Amino acid sequence: MRTLQDILRSDSVLRQQWLPVEVAADLVVAFEERFGTAALELACHASVPLVVDAGMVQLIRQNFLSQASLSWVAEADLLLSPLCRPIGEECYQFEPRVRECLLVELEDRFGSARQGWIAEWVLAFGDSPASQGYPPEVKHTHRWIGLAYTHPEGLLEEMSDT
């Protein structure tokens, strides 16, 4: 079975449009040096849903990182950093190669199960009142990402139906 690292090392036409892995890794390292390890761990967790806003980052921090040293300022630092780019009104997306680096860091620091827990949370978030203001395409993206981690066969079924 291929590991996440094997997949990340493979090349594709799509990945050729992304930042080079060295540049993405440098951005992640620079972020940790500037804002600290706790802020990087927040970035790692927030990279799972791909598309986030300030409210979702806050909920991720509260649900997965109960560190007193991490305040709401870290949420703003993350969203306004080079790790993220604005994609709409108050919505942000991680640059794809940066996201890959953050997902590897998340697995290295917290184990492979952590991504699944966050994905389950993302699925539950999509059904909660907190997600009411999200555009349908963002909610759809969250659902597919959550299913990719928790029920890949269900995702394939859902994708084939669309």
Protein backbone atom coordinates (compact mmCIF):
# COMPACT_ATOMS: atom_id res chain seq x y z
CA MET A 1 0.00 0.00 0.00
CA ARG A 2 1.32 3.45 -0.90
CA THR A 3 2.00 5.82 1.95
CA LEU A 4 1.12 9.50 2.02
CA GLN A 5 4.81 10.30 1.47
CA ASP A 6 4.87 8.07 -1.66
CA ILE A 7 1.86 9.88 -3.08
CA LEU A 8 3.37 13.26 -2.32
CA ARG A 9 6.60 12.35 -4.10
CA SER A 10 4.81 11.29 -7.29
CA ASP A 11 4.46 13.86 -10.04
CA SER A 12 1.35 14.72 -12.03
CA VAL A 13 0.23 17.39 -14.47
CA LEU A 14 -1.88 18.98 -11.75
CA ARG A 15 0.97 19.08 -9.23
CA GLN A 16 3.24 20.78 -11.77
CA GLN A 17 1.10 23.92 -11.30
CA TRP A 18 1.63 23.93 -7.53
CA LEU A 19 4.48 25.43 -5.58
CA PRO A 20 7.64 23.33 -5.62
CA VAL A 21 7.78 21.11 -2.52
CA GLU A 22 10.93 22.88 -1.31
CA VAL A 23 9.19 26.28 -1.42
CA ALA A 24 6.13 24.90 0.38
CA ALA A 25 8.31 23.29 3.05
CA ASP A 26 10.22 26.57 3.50
CA LEU A 27 6.91 28.42 4.00
CA VAL A 28 5.84 25.91 6.65
CA VAL A 29 9.20 26.16 8.45
CA ALA A 30 9.12 29.97 8.30
CA PHE A 31 5.58 29.97 9.70
CA GLU A 32 6.64 27.83 12.67
CA GLU A 33 9.72 29.99 13.29
CA ARG A 34 7.63 33.17 13.26
CA PHE A 35 4.51 32.03 15.12
CA GLY A 36 5.61 28.97 17.10
CA THR A 37 4.93 25.26 17.28
CA ALA A 38 1.37 25.62 18.62
CA ALA A 39 0.43 27.85 15.67
CA LEU A 40 1.91 25.31 13.25
CA GLU A 41 -0.11 22.56 14.89
CA LEU A 42 -3.23 24.68 14.37
CA ALA A 43 -2.28 25.04 10.69
CA CYS A 44 -1.82 21.28 10.42
CA HIS A 45 -5.26 20.61 11.85
CA ALA A 46 -6.94 23.34 9.79
CA SER A 47 -5.45 21.96 6.57
CA VAL A 48 -7.67 18.87 6.65
CA PRO A 49 -10.89 20.60 5.50
CA LEU A 50 -8.99 22.50 2.72
CA VAL A 51 -11.37 25.49 2.76
CA VAL A 52 -11.75 27.34 6.07
CA ASP A 53 -12.90 30.62 7.53
CA ALA A 54 -12.15 32.26 10.87
CA GLY A 55 -15.08 30.51 12.58
CA MET A 56 -14.02 27.06 11.46
CA VAL A 57 -10.39 27.65 12.46
CA GLN A 58 -11.59 28.79 15.89
CA LEU A 59 -13.69 25.64 16.31
CA ILE A 60 -10.79 23.44 15.19
CA ARG A 61 -8.56 25.14 17.77
CA GLN A 62 -11.15 24.69 20.52
CA ASN A 63 -11.94 21.07 19.65
CA PHE A 64 -8.48 19.71 18.90
CA LEU A 65 -5.92 22.03 20.51
CA SER A 66 -6.72 22.98 24.07
CA GLN A 67 -3.43 24.80 24.59
CA ALA A 68 -3.70 27.90 26.74
CA SER A 69 -0.76 29.45 24.87
CA LEU A 70 -2.74 29.53 21.63
CA SER A 71 -5.14 32.47 21.34
CA TRP A 72 -7.50 33.72 18.68
CA VAL A 73 -4.61 35.81 17.32
CA ALA A 74 -3.05 32.57 16.04
CA GLU A 75 -6.17 32.01 13.94
CA ALA A 76 -5.76 35.39 12.23
CA ASP A 77 -2.01 34.84 11.85
CA LEU A 78 -2.74 31.58 10.04
CA LEU A 79 -5.41 32.91 7.69
CA LEU A 80 -3.36 35.97 6.76
CA SER A 81 -0.11 34.03 6.31
CA PRO A 82 1.38 32.82 3.00
CA LEU A 83 0.11 29.32 3.86
CA CYS A 84 -3.43 30.38 2.92
CA ARG A 85 -4.97 32.37 0.12
CA PRO A 86 -8.36 34.08 0.06
CA ILE A 87 -10.83 32.42 -2.29
CA GLY A 88 -13.98 34.33 -1.49
CA GLU A 89 -15.66 36.41 1.11
CA GLU A 90 -13.91 35.43 4.35
CA CYS A 91 -12.99 31.97 2.97
CA TYR A 92 -9.43 30.75 2.68
CA GLN A 93 -7.77 27.79 1.03
CA PHE A 94 -4.38 26.26 1.70
CA GLU A 95 -2.01 26.24 -1.25
CA PRO A 96 -2.12 22.56 -2.31
CA ARG A 97 1.56 21.73 -1.80
CA VAL A 98 1.57 23.59 1.53
CA ARG A 99 -1.48 21.55 2.53
CA GLU A 100 0.37 18.34 1.66
CA CYS A 101 3.30 19.41 3.87
CA LEU A 102 0.93 20.26 6.72
CA LEU A 103 -0.88 16.93 6.43
CA VAL A 104 2.44 15.07 6.64
CA GLU A 105 3.34 17.15 9.72
CA LEU A 106 -0.06 16.39 11.27
CA GLU A 107 0.48 12.66 10.79
CA ASP A 108 4.06 12.82 12.09
CA ARG A 109 3.10 14.77 15.21
CA PHE A 110 -0.30 13.27 16.07
CA GLY A 111 -0.52 9.92 14.25
CA SER A 112 -2.60 8.88 11.27
CA ALA A 113 -5.86 8.58 13.24
CA ARG A 114 -5.95 12.34 13.90
CA GLN A 115 -6.82 13.16 10.27
CA GLY A 116 -9.77 10.78 10.50
CA TRP A 117 -11.03 12.41 13.70
CA ILE A 118 -10.84 15.85 12.11
CA ALA A 119 -12.59 14.52 8.99
CA GLU A 120 -15.41 13.12 11.14
CA TRP A 121 -15.67 16.51 12.82
CA VAL A 122 -15.79 18.22 9.39
CA LEU A 123 -18.68 15.96 8.38
CA ALA A 124 -20.56 16.75 11.60
CA PHE A 125 -19.78 20.45 11.16
CA GLY A 126 -21.45 20.38 7.74
CA ASP A 127 -24.71 19.28 9.36
CA SER A 128 -24.51 21.78 12.21
CA PRO A 129 -26.01 25.28 12.47
CA ALA A 130 -22.44 26.67 12.49
CA SER A 131 -22.16 25.88 8.77
CA GLN A 132 -25.37 27.65 7.74
CA GLY A 133 -23.60 30.62 6.15
CA TYR A 134 -21.28 28.54 3.98
CA PRO A 135 -21.83 28.50 0.22
CA PRO A 136 -23.14 25.15 -1.06
CA GLU A 137 -19.91 24.42 -2.96
CA VAL A 138 -17.84 24.84 0.22
CA LYS A 139 -20.19 22.58 2.17
CA HIS A 140 -19.95 20.08 -0.68
CA THR A 141 -16.14 20.23 -0.58
CA HIS A 142 -16.16 19.68 3.18
CA ARG A 143 -18.45 16.70 2.76
CA TRP A 144 -16.27 15.10 0.10
CA ILE A 145 -13.10 15.65 2.10
CA GLY A 146 -14.73 14.20 5.21
CA LEU A 147 -15.94 11.18 3.25
CA ALA A 148 -12.53 10.70 1.61
CA TYR A 149 -11.06 10.05 5.06
CA THR A 150 -13.95 8.27 6.75
CA HIS A 151 -15.94 6.46 4.02
CA PRO A 152 -13.99 6.42 0.74
CA GLU A 153 -16.41 3.95 -0.82
CA GLY A 154 -19.32 6.27 0.01
CA LEU A 155 -17.45 9.13 -1.62
CA LEU A 156 -16.94 7.13 -4.81
CA GLU A 157 -20.63 6.30 -4.87
CA GLU A 158 -21.59 9.92 -4.30
CA MET A 159 -19.17 11.15 -6.96
CA SER A 160 -20.50 8.67 -9.52
CA ASP A 161 -24.04 9.90 -8.86
CA THR A 162 -23.17 13.51 -9.73
